[in-house]
Amino acid sequence: MDQLSLYKDIMPYGGKLDNNNRWIKLSNLVPWGSLAKLHDSYFDRKRLAVVKSGRLIIGLLIGKMKMKLSDEEILNYFYENPYFQYFCGFDNFVTKESKIMDSSLLTKRRNKLGEEYFAKFEGEILEVLKNYKLINGKELLLDATVVESKIAYPNDVKLLNTVRTYCINKISELKKTLNLPQKIRTYKRKAKEVYLDYAKKKKKSKKVINQATRKMLNFTSRNIKQLESLMLMSKELLSSKNFKLEIFEFLSLKGLIKKIEDKLITAKEIYHQQKEKYISKSTQIKDRIVSFDQPYVRPILRGKEAKKVEFGAKTNIASTKGYCFTNKIEHRAFSEKSDFADNLNEHQKRFNRLPNKLLIDDGYSSLANKDLLKKHNIKHSLKNQGRTTPKQRLLKKRLRKERSKIEGVIGNLKKDYTLEKITLKSNQGAAIQTSLAMGSFNLFKALREIKV
């Protein structure tokens, strides 16, 4: 494995760093060559000379997961820590004045690489674990959990107010850009007054909620129509020969119109959902949108006492020897038992074998799944059918107790590796952050177990 020499002329450290530092030790464990080669495959070969190195980007993202920092903060940490700079591929100390990159590049690079790259990142880490013989796939633990998105707790009136506020802001922005003289009556002050009056009430009766919802529906409908009308006018002006703008202003306005069109699709869907809910007096909406900024997020019923509903993506997690991997992640509720065979297939792909022992809860239980386990002679923690002997009951009790190990792994991922809240705001954000978190978790766990 190709490794960099330690800092040659870093003052005031006399050119020496502690070889036992975790970042230096971890740099010997990460498969930089394969990860960088995979990273570079997403770019045109002619541009690779000006593209920031894959090692720098991956190093920063691993550090971000471990340190639980934002994109800006991980760059600050990079400038402050020579060990972390070495981990990211630098053999000379660089200061903040050098401005090696802007923090926004991390967002662009994540979007460019997408969830496919980070799923492969997980796979490359798995190969490292197998090479060091840390895992062999003899045991498999499965569990499903929700990785919640970082959104405000949704309520109908607040959601409608968010849509209304967005429409009003874009109406003002377009008017200013197009220099339109006519006045547009948005009733923004009246609408704000209605919303604040509702929000300040500590106890909100059903009558109060319905009244506020009805009024907000009216305001939102009006503002959406006004924005659509203004958008139509903007397009007509852009295509008109008499309307002249500087090239930069023209492109800026064109980009703004495209963004507003995309957001209007979500705005109208929220409005129609809330209107249908209000008219039908129903408490349920199919594919309910709970966030205007992240419309792909869905409410997922979990049936837990502390949190009956969670807002985010549901994921199937596989664990063996305390290491963990993503089997499936979607922004919708899915049945664990229906995906059971797929989980076994994923394990077969990873280890080229099926497990001898499978530890799962009753959420995966079905006659078909039990028959599948029996066919492959896999010992499992699901309840036995029919009469059982005391010895069999004791064995099941022990296996079900063993299954609880995966709860600790999931708790560790959420508490120490950013999965408590998904902060990446894109449809692929949950999958990317989950793969990064699991890959980073596995690396640091491996670091504790082996001598690098």
Protein backbone atom coordinates (compact mmCIF):
# COMPACT_ATOMS: atom_id res chain seq x y z
CA MET A 1 0.00 0.00 0.00
CA ASP A 2 1.49 3.36 -1.07
CA GLN A 3 1.97 5.68 1.89
CA LEU A 4 3.29 9.22 2.17
CA SER A 5 6.42 10.10 4.07
CA LEU A 6 5.82 12.13 7.21
CA TYR A 7 6.03 15.93 7.07
CA LYS A 8 9.47 16.96 5.85
CA ASP A 9 9.66 20.56 6.99
CA ILE A 10 6.76 21.22 9.35
CA MET A 11 7.76 23.88 11.89
CA PRO A 12 7.75 24.04 14.87
CA TYR A 13 7.47 20.22 15.05
CA GLY A 14 10.98 19.59 13.74
CA GLY A 15 9.59 17.45 10.90
CA LYS A 16 8.34 14.76 13.31
CA LEU A 17 4.82 13.53 14.05
CA ASP A 18 3.58 10.80 16.37
CA ASN A 19 3.24 7.59 14.34
CA ASN A 20 0.75 6.29 16.92
CA ASN A 21 -1.73 9.06 16.17
CA ARG A 22 -5.11 7.62 15.11
CA TRP A 23 -5.20 9.52 11.79
CA ILE A 24 -1.75 8.28 10.78
CA LYS A 25 -2.62 4.71 11.79
CA LEU A 26 -5.97 4.90 10.01
CA SER A 27 -4.29 6.15 6.82
CA ASN A 28 -2.52 2.77 6.63
CA LEU A 29 -5.89 1.01 6.76
CA VAL A 30 -7.90 2.96 4.17
CA PRO A 31 -7.68 1.53 0.61
CA TRP A 32 -6.75 4.91 -0.92
CA GLY A 33 -5.68 3.50 -4.27
CA SER A 34 -8.98 1.78 -5.14
CA LEU A 35 -11.10 4.60 -3.68
CA ALA A 36 -9.19 7.30 -5.59
CA LYS A 37 -9.31 5.29 -8.83
CA LEU A 38 -13.07 4.84 -8.43
CA HIS A 39 -13.43 8.56 -7.62
CA ASP A 40 -11.48 9.59 -10.73
CA SER A 41 -13.66 7.39 -12.96
CA TYR A 42 -16.51 9.90 -12.47
CA PHE A 43 -14.53 12.65 -14.23
CA ASP A 44 -13.21 13.29 -17.72
CA ARG A 45 -9.55 12.20 -17.91
CA LYS A 46 -8.61 15.51 -19.50
CA ARG A 47 -9.86 17.40 -16.41
CA LEU A 48 -8.26 15.19 -13.74
CA ALA A 49 -5.28 17.56 -13.45
CA VAL A 50 -7.55 20.32 -12.08
CA VAL A 51 -9.92 18.08 -10.07
CA LYS A 52 -9.31 17.96 -6.30
CA SER A 53 -7.80 14.60 -5.38
CA GLY A 54 -10.03 11.71 -4.37
CA ARG A 55 -7.94 11.16 -1.25
CA LEU A 56 -8.56 14.71 -0.03
CA ILE A 57 -12.32 14.46 -0.60
CA ILE A 58 -12.72 10.99 0.93
CA GLY A 59 -10.44 11.91 3.84
CA LEU A 60 -12.54 14.99 4.62
CA LEU A 61 -15.78 13.00 4.41
CA ILE A 62 -14.49 10.25 6.74
CA GLY A 63 -13.32 12.94 9.16
CA LYS A 64 -16.70 14.66 8.93
CA MET A 65 -18.46 11.44 9.95
CA LYS A 66 -16.12 10.69 12.86
CA MET A 67 -15.93 14.23 14.23
CA LYS A 68 -19.64 14.97 13.54
CA LEU A 69 -18.80 18.31 11.93
CA SER A 70 -20.35 20.40 9.16
CA ASP A 71 -18.58 20.86 5.81
CA GLU A 72 -17.17 24.23 6.93
CA GLU A 73 -16.08 22.91 10.33
CA ILE A 74 -14.27 19.84 8.92
CA LEU A 75 -12.23 22.16 6.69
CA ASN A 76 -11.33 24.26 9.75
CA TYR A 77 -10.34 21.06 11.56
CA PHE A 78 -8.20 20.14 8.53
CA TYR A 79 -6.29 23.45 8.72
CA GLU A 80 -5.76 23.07 12.47
CA ASN A 81 -4.60 19.43 12.59
CA PRO A 82 -1.39 18.31 10.84
CA TYR A 83 -2.22 14.65 11.52
CA PHE A 84 -5.54 14.99 9.72
CA GLN A 85 -3.79 16.77 6.83
CA TYR A 86 -1.45 13.79 6.52
CA PHE A 87 -4.50 11.49 6.53
CA CYS A 88 -5.95 13.52 3.64
CA GLY A 89 -2.78 13.12 1.57
CA PHE A 90 -0.58 16.15 2.41
CA ASP A 91 3.10 15.75 3.28
CA ASN A 92 3.57 19.45 4.09
CA PHE A 93 1.55 21.54 6.53
CA VAL A 94 -0.94 23.93 4.88
CA THR A 95 -2.61 26.91 6.55
CA LYS A 96 -6.04 28.47 6.09
CA GLU A 97 -4.52 31.22 3.93
CA SER A 98 -3.71 28.65 1.25
CA LYS A 99 -7.47 28.06 0.68
CA ILE A 100 -7.08 24.60 -0.83
CA MET A 101 -10.84 24.40 -1.47
CA ASP A 102 -14.21 25.86 -0.54
CA SER A 103 -16.52 23.89 1.72
CA SER A 104 -19.24 23.98 -0.95
CA LEU A 105 -17.10 21.62 -3.06
CA LEU A 106 -17.90 18.77 -0.65
CA THR A 107 -21.62 19.16 -1.42
CA LYS A 108 -20.95 19.29 -5.16
CA ARG A 109 -18.68 16.26 -4.99
CA ARG A 110 -21.20 14.19 -2.99
CA ASN A 111 -23.88 15.02 -5.56
CA LYS A 112 -21.51 14.21 -8.42
CA LEU A 113 -20.49 10.83 -7.01
CA GLY A 114 -23.98 9.88 -5.81
CA GLU A 115 -25.13 6.97 -3.68
CA GLU A 116 -23.63 4.40 -6.09
CA TYR A 117 -20.07 5.54 -5.30
CA PHE A 118 -20.63 5.48 -1.55
CA ALA A 119 -22.19 2.02 -1.71
CA LYS A 120 -18.95 0.94 -3.45
CA PHE A 121 -17.02 2.80 -0.72
CA GLU A 122 -18.72 0.48 1.81
CA GLY A 123 -17.73 -2.48 -0.36
CA GLU A 124 -14.04 -1.42 -0.45
CA ILE A 125 -13.98 -1.18 3.35
CA LEU A 126 -15.55 -4.65 3.52
CA GLU A 127 -12.65 -6.01 1.44
CA VAL A 128 -10.18 -4.50 3.94
CA LEU A 129 -11.99 -6.24 6.82
CA LYS A 130 -11.90 -9.56 4.97
CA ASN A 131 -8.21 -9.17 4.11
CA TYR A 132 -7.40 -8.67 7.80
CA LYS A 133 -9.67 -11.68 8.60
CA LEU A 134 -11.81 -9.62 10.96
CA ILE A 135 -15.06 -11.04 9.58
CA ASN A 136 -16.03 -14.30 7.89
CA GLY A 137 -19.82 -14.14 7.54
CA LYS A 138 -20.63 -17.12 9.77
CA GLU A 139 -23.06 -15.02 11.83
CA LEU A 140 -25.62 -12.46 10.64
CA LEU A 141 -27.72 -10.00 12.60
CA LEU A 142 -30.48 -8.04 10.88
CA ASP A 143 -32.57 -5.10 12.02
CA ALA A 144 -34.53 -2.22 10.49
CA THR A 145 -34.33 1.35 11.75
CA VAL A 146 -35.29 4.83 10.63
CA VAL A 147 -32.58 7.42 10.05
CA GLU A 148 -34.47 10.64 10.65
CA SER A 149 -34.05 13.69 8.45
CA LYS A 150 -33.26 17.05 10.01
CA ILE A 151 -36.61 18.75 9.45
CA ALA A 152 -38.94 20.78 11.66
CA TYR A 153 -41.71 18.69 13.21
CA PRO A 154 -44.51 19.01 10.66
CA ASN A 155 -48.00 20.33 11.18
CA ASP A 156 -50.50 21.27 8.49
CA VAL A 157 -50.77 25.00 9.18
CA LYS A 158 -47.01 25.44 9.50
CA LEU A 159 -46.41 23.55 6.23
CA LEU A 160 -48.92 25.72 4.36
CA ASN A 161 -47.34 28.83 5.84
CA THR A 162 -43.91 27.71 4.62
CA VAL A 163 -45.28 27.32 1.07
CA ARG A 164 -47.06 30.68 1.29
CA THR A 165 -43.91 32.46 2.51
CA TYR A 166 -41.84 30.95 -0.29
CA CYS A 167 -44.34 32.10 -2.93
CA ILE A 168 -44.41 35.66 -1.55
CA ASN A 169 -40.60 35.87 -1.46
CA LYS A 170 -40.31 34.68 -5.06
CA ILE A 171 -43.06 37.09 -6.19
CA SER A 172 -41.04 39.97 -4.70
CA GLU A 173 -37.79 38.66 -6.23
CA LEU A 174 -39.27 38.33 -9.72
CA LYS A 175 -40.92 41.76 -9.52
CA LYS A 176 -37.61 43.33 -8.56
CA THR A 177 -35.66 41.45 -11.27
CA LEU A 178 -38.17 42.29 -14.01
CA ASN A 179 -38.67 45.83 -12.68
CA LEU A 180 -42.47 45.47 -12.81
CA PRO A 181 -44.43 48.54 -11.67
CA GLN A 182 -47.80 46.93 -10.88
CA LYS A 183 -48.72 46.11 -7.32
CA ILE A 184 -49.56 42.51 -6.43
CA ARG A 185 -51.86 42.08 -3.43
CA THR A 186 -50.47 39.04 -1.63
CA TYR A 187 -52.15 39.72 1.75
CA LYS A 188 -48.86 38.75 3.38
CA ARG A 189 -49.42 40.86 6.51
CA LYS A 190 -52.91 39.45 7.07
CA ALA A 191 -51.67 35.90 6.48
CA LYS A 192 -48.75 36.37 8.86
CA GLU A 193 -51.13 37.72 11.49
CA VAL A 194 -53.38 34.65 11.12
CA TYR A 195 -50.42 32.27 11.38
CA LEU A 196 -48.87 33.98 14.43
CA ASP A 197 -52.24 34.07 16.16
CA TYR A 198 -52.47 30.31 15.63
CA ALA A 199 -48.84 29.56 16.56
CA LYS A 200 -49.02 31.50 19.85
CA LYS A 201 -51.96 29.46 21.15
CA LYS A 202 -50.67 26.88 23.64
CA LYS A 203 -53.79 24.74 23.41
CA LYS A 204 -55.13 24.29 19.91
CA SER A 205 -58.61 22.84 19.72
CA LYS A 206 -59.88 21.05 16.63
CA LYS A 207 -61.97 24.12 15.78
CA VAL A 208 -58.94 26.46 16.00
CA ILE A 209 -56.86 24.13 13.79
CA ASN A 210 -59.62 23.85 11.18
CA GLN A 211 -60.16 27.62 11.07
CA ALA A 212 -56.43 28.32 10.68
CA THR A 213 -56.09 25.59 8.03
CA ARG A 214 -59.03 26.99 6.00
CA LYS A 215 -57.56 30.51 6.05
CA MET A 216 -54.04 29.32 5.20
CA LEU A 217 -55.40 27.25 2.30
CA ASN A 218 -57.04 30.38 0.88
CA PHE A 219 -53.88 32.51 1.26
CA THR A 220 -51.66 29.77 -0.18
CA SER A 221 -53.94 29.17 -3.16
CA ARG A 222 -53.95 32.88 -3.97
CA ASN A 223 -50.16 33.22 -3.74
CA ILE A 224 -49.49 30.10 -5.85
CA LYS A 225 -51.74 31.46 -8.63
CA GLN A 226 -50.04 34.87 -8.42
CA LEU A 227 -46.59 33.29 -8.68
CA GLU A 228 -47.68 31.12 -11.64
CA SER A 229 -49.04 34.21 -13.40
CA LEU A 230 -45.79 36.08 -12.78
CA MET A 231 -43.78 33.11 -14.06
CA LEU A 232 -45.79 33.11 -17.28
CA MET A 233 -45.15 36.83 -17.69
CA SER A 234 -41.43 36.31 -17.06
CA LYS A 235 -41.19 33.65 -19.78
CA GLU A 236 -43.00 35.89 -22.26
CA LEU A 237 -40.63 38.78 -21.49
CA LEU A 238 -37.58 36.56 -21.87
CA SER A 239 -38.73 35.47 -25.33
CA SER A 240 -39.59 39.04 -26.33
CA LYS A 241 -37.11 40.89 -28.57
CA ASN A 242 -37.90 44.22 -26.88
CA PHE A 243 -36.89 42.94 -23.44
CA LYS A 244 -33.13 43.26 -23.09
CA LEU A 245 -30.87 42.08 -20.28
CA GLU A 246 -27.15 41.59 -19.83
CA ILE A 247 -26.12 38.00 -20.58
CA PHE A 248 -25.35 37.32 -16.90
CA GLU A 249 -28.73 38.73 -15.79
CA PHE A 250 -30.52 36.76 -18.54
CA LEU A 251 -28.95 33.44 -17.46
CA SER A 252 -29.54 34.25 -13.79
CA LEU A 253 -33.24 34.94 -14.43
CA LYS A 254 -33.57 31.79 -16.55
CA GLY A 255 -32.03 29.72 -13.75
CA LEU A 256 -34.31 31.34 -11.16
CA ILE A 257 -37.42 30.53 -13.22
CA LYS A 258 -36.32 26.86 -13.54
CA LYS A 259 -35.82 26.58 -9.76
CA ILE A 260 -39.20 28.18 -9.04
CA GLU A 261 -40.91 25.80 -11.49
CA ASP A 262 -39.46 22.80 -9.64
CA LYS A 263 -40.51 24.16 -6.25
CA LEU A 264 -43.99 25.04 -7.52
CA ILE A 265 -44.62 21.37 -8.31
CA THR A 266 -44.03 20.56 -4.64
CA ALA A 267 -45.99 23.63 -3.46
CA LYS A 268 -49.07 22.65 -5.47
CA GLU A 269 -48.85 19.03 -4.31
CA ILE A 270 -48.74 20.15 -0.65
CA TYR A 271 -51.69 22.47 -1.24
CA HIS A 272 -53.80 19.73 -2.89
CA GLN A 273 -52.92 17.21 -0.17
CA GLN A 274 -53.88 19.62 2.61
CA LYS A 275 -57.06 20.70 0.83
CA GLU A 276 -58.12 17.06 0.35
CA LYS A 277 -57.38 16.34 4.02
CA TYR A 278 -59.40 19.40 5.12
CA ILE A 279 -62.42 18.63 2.93
CA SER A 280 -62.54 14.90 3.69
CA LYS A 281 -61.78 15.51 7.41
CA SER A 282 -59.32 12.62 7.16
CA THR A 283 -56.19 12.15 9.26
CA GLN A 284 -54.35 10.19 6.57
CA ILE A 285 -52.86 11.28 3.24
CA LYS A 286 -51.21 8.91 0.79
CA ASP A 287 -47.52 9.80 0.20
CA ARG A 288 -47.89 12.76 2.50
CA ILE A 289 -45.25 15.49 2.06
CA VAL A 290 -44.04 16.68 5.47
CA SER A 291 -41.28 19.09 4.42
CA PHE A 292 -41.30 21.71 1.67
CA ASP A 293 -37.49 21.72 1.44
CA GLN A 294 -37.20 17.92 1.48
CA PRO A 295 -40.37 16.67 -0.25
CA TYR A 296 -39.06 13.09 -0.52
CA VAL A 297 -39.18 12.63 3.28
CA ARG A 298 -42.12 10.53 4.47
CA PRO A 299 -43.64 9.77 7.89
CA ILE A 300 -42.87 6.20 8.96
CA LEU A 301 -44.92 4.53 11.69
CA ARG A 302 -42.67 2.65 14.11
CA GLY A 303 -45.04 1.84 16.99
CA LYS A 304 -42.47 2.74 19.62
CA GLU A 305 -43.61 4.26 22.88
CA ALA A 306 -41.27 7.25 22.75
CA LYS A 307 -41.63 7.87 18.99
CA LYS A 308 -44.69 6.48 17.25
CA VAL A 309 -43.84 8.28 13.99
CA GLU A 310 -40.40 9.08 12.57
CA PHE A 311 -39.64 11.26 9.56
CA GLY A 312 -36.85 10.02 7.32
CA ALA A 313 -35.63 6.94 5.49
CA LYS A 314 -36.06 3.35 6.61
CA THR A 315 -33.01 1.14 6.33
CA ASN A 316 -32.21 -2.56 6.72
CA ILE A 317 -28.92 -2.98 8.56
CA ALA A 318 -26.81 -6.15 8.50
CA SER A 319 -24.20 -6.78 11.17
CA THR A 320 -21.54 -9.42 11.70
CA LYS A 321 -18.83 -9.46 14.37
CA GLY A 322 -19.93 -5.94 15.37
CA TYR A 323 -19.36 -4.50 11.85
CA CYS A 324 -22.34 -3.18 9.93
CA PHE A 325 -23.52 -2.75 6.33
CA THR A 326 -26.46 -1.19 4.49
CA ASN A 327 -28.78 -3.73 2.85
CA LYS A 328 -31.57 -1.39 1.80
CA ILE A 329 -32.61 2.22 2.35
CA GLU A 330 -35.78 3.90 1.10
CA HIS A 331 -37.91 6.95 1.90
CA ARG A 332 -40.95 4.80 2.60
CA ALA A 333 -42.11 2.13 4.99
CA PHE A 334 -41.42 -1.42 3.80
CA SER A 335 -41.98 -4.83 5.30
CA GLU A 336 -38.90 -6.53 6.71
CA LYS A 337 -40.34 -10.00 6.16
CA SER A 338 -40.98 -9.40 2.44
CA ASP A 339 -37.30 -8.46 1.89
CA PHE A 340 -35.94 -11.34 3.94
CA ALA A 341 -34.62 -13.38 0.99
CA ASP A 342 -32.93 -10.26 -0.42
CA ASN A 343 -31.05 -9.82 2.86
CA LEU A 344 -29.72 -13.37 2.65
CA ASN A 345 -28.70 -12.78 -0.98
CA GLU A 346 -26.79 -9.63 0.03
CA HIS A 347 -24.92 -11.67 2.66
CA GLN A 348 -24.14 -14.33 0.03
CA LYS A 349 -22.68 -11.62 -2.27
CA ARG A 350 -20.53 -10.15 0.50
CA PHE A 351 -19.07 -13.37 1.88
CA ASN A 352 -19.74 -15.95 -0.84
CA ARG A 353 -21.62 -18.02 1.73
CA LEU A 354 -24.79 -18.05 3.85
CA PRO A 355 -24.58 -17.60 7.62
CA ASN A 356 -24.66 -20.52 10.04
CA LYS A 357 -26.58 -18.41 12.55
CA LEU A 358 -29.14 -15.67 11.95
CA LEU A 359 -30.27 -13.33 14.74
CA ILE A 360 -33.45 -11.38 13.93
CA ASP A 361 -36.62 -10.16 15.64
CA ASP A 362 -40.21 -11.22 14.93
CA GLY A 363 -40.62 -8.48 12.33
CA TYR A 364 -38.90 -10.87 9.88
CA SER A 365 -41.05 -13.86 10.90
CA SER A 366 -43.24 -15.66 8.35
CA LEU A 367 -43.82 -19.28 7.39
CA ALA A 368 -42.05 -18.76 4.06
CA ASN A 369 -38.99 -17.25 5.77
CA LYS A 370 -38.84 -20.06 8.34
CA ASP A 371 -39.04 -22.61 5.53
CA LEU A 372 -36.18 -20.83 3.76
CA LEU A 373 -34.03 -20.99 6.90
CA LYS A 374 -34.87 -24.65 7.36
CA LYS A 375 -33.96 -25.38 3.75
CA HIS A 376 -30.49 -23.86 4.22
CA ASN A 377 -30.10 -25.32 7.71
CA ILE A 378 -29.56 -21.89 9.30
CA LYS A 379 -29.95 -21.64 13.08
CA HIS A 380 -32.16 -18.63 13.93
CA SER A 381 -33.75 -16.68 16.78
CA LEU A 382 -37.36 -16.73 15.51
CA LYS A 383 -39.96 -18.48 17.66
CA ASN A 384 -40.43 -22.19 17.01
CA GLN A 385 -43.73 -23.54 15.75
CA GLY A 386 -45.64 -26.15 17.72
CA ARG A 387 -44.43 -27.85 20.88
CA THR A 388 -40.87 -27.28 22.04
CA THR A 389 -38.65 -28.92 24.63
CA PRO A 390 -37.16 -26.98 27.56
CA LYS A 391 -33.76 -27.26 25.87
CA GLN A 392 -35.11 -25.70 22.66
CA ARG A 393 -36.77 -22.87 24.60
CA LEU A 394 -33.54 -22.16 26.45
CA LEU A 395 -31.60 -22.05 23.17
CA LYS A 396 -34.13 -19.62 21.64
CA LYS A 397 -33.94 -17.39 24.72
CA ARG A 398 -30.15 -17.27 24.42
CA LEU A 399 -30.29 -16.51 20.68
CA ARG A 400 -32.88 -13.74 21.14
CA LYS A 401 -30.69 -12.23 23.84
CA GLU A 402 -27.70 -12.31 21.45
CA ARG A 403 -29.77 -10.45 18.85
CA SER A 404 -29.79 -7.36 21.09
CA LYS A 405 -26.12 -6.75 20.12
CA ILE A 406 -27.27 -5.06 16.93
CA GLU A 407 -29.24 -2.49 18.97
CA GLY A 408 -25.94 -1.31 20.45
CA VAL A 409 -24.38 -1.08 16.98
CA ILE A 410 -27.30 1.03 15.69
CA GLY A 411 -27.17 3.21 18.80
CA ASN A 412 -23.44 3.78 18.24
CA LEU A 413 -24.02 4.70 14.58
CA LYS A 414 -26.67 7.25 15.54
CA LYS A 415 -24.88 8.73 18.54
CA ASP A 416 -21.27 8.78 17.30
CA TYR A 417 -21.47 8.68 13.48
CA THR A 418 -24.11 11.30 12.55
CA LEU A 419 -27.04 8.95 11.84
CA GLU A 420 -29.14 10.50 14.60
CA LYS A 421 -30.14 13.13 12.02
CA ILE A 422 -29.61 13.09 8.24
CA THR A 423 -28.29 16.55 7.36
CA LEU A 424 -27.64 16.04 3.64
CA LYS A 425 -30.49 17.68 1.74
CA SER A 426 -31.01 15.61 -1.37
CA ASN A 427 -33.00 12.56 -2.35
CA GLN A 428 -29.78 10.52 -2.13
CA GLY A 429 -28.64 12.25 1.07
CA ALA A 430 -29.82 9.52 3.47
CA ALA A 431 -28.18 6.73 1.43
CA ILE A 432 -24.90 8.68 1.07
CA GLN A 433 -24.68 9.65 4.75
CA THR A 434 -25.60 6.12 5.89
CA SER A 435 -22.93 4.47 3.69
CA LEU A 436 -20.32 7.01 4.80
CA ALA A 437 -21.23 6.52 8.46
CA MET A 438 -21.06 2.73 8.24
CA GLY A 439 -17.80 2.73 6.30
CA SER A 440 -16.21 5.13 8.82
CA PHE A 441 -17.59 3.15 11.77
CA ASN A 442 -16.11 -0.07 10.36
CA LEU A 443 -12.71 1.55 9.78
CA PHE A 444 -12.40 2.88 13.32
CA LYS A 445 -13.63 -0.41 14.80
CA ALA A 446 -11.03 -2.28 12.73
CA LEU A 447 -8.36 0.17 13.91
CA ARG A 448 -9.06 -0.81 17.51
CA GLU A 449 -8.83 -4.52 16.74
CA ILE A 450 -5.67 -4.72 14.63
CA LYS A 451 -2.13 -3.39 14.74
CA VAL A 452 -1.48 -1.16 11.73
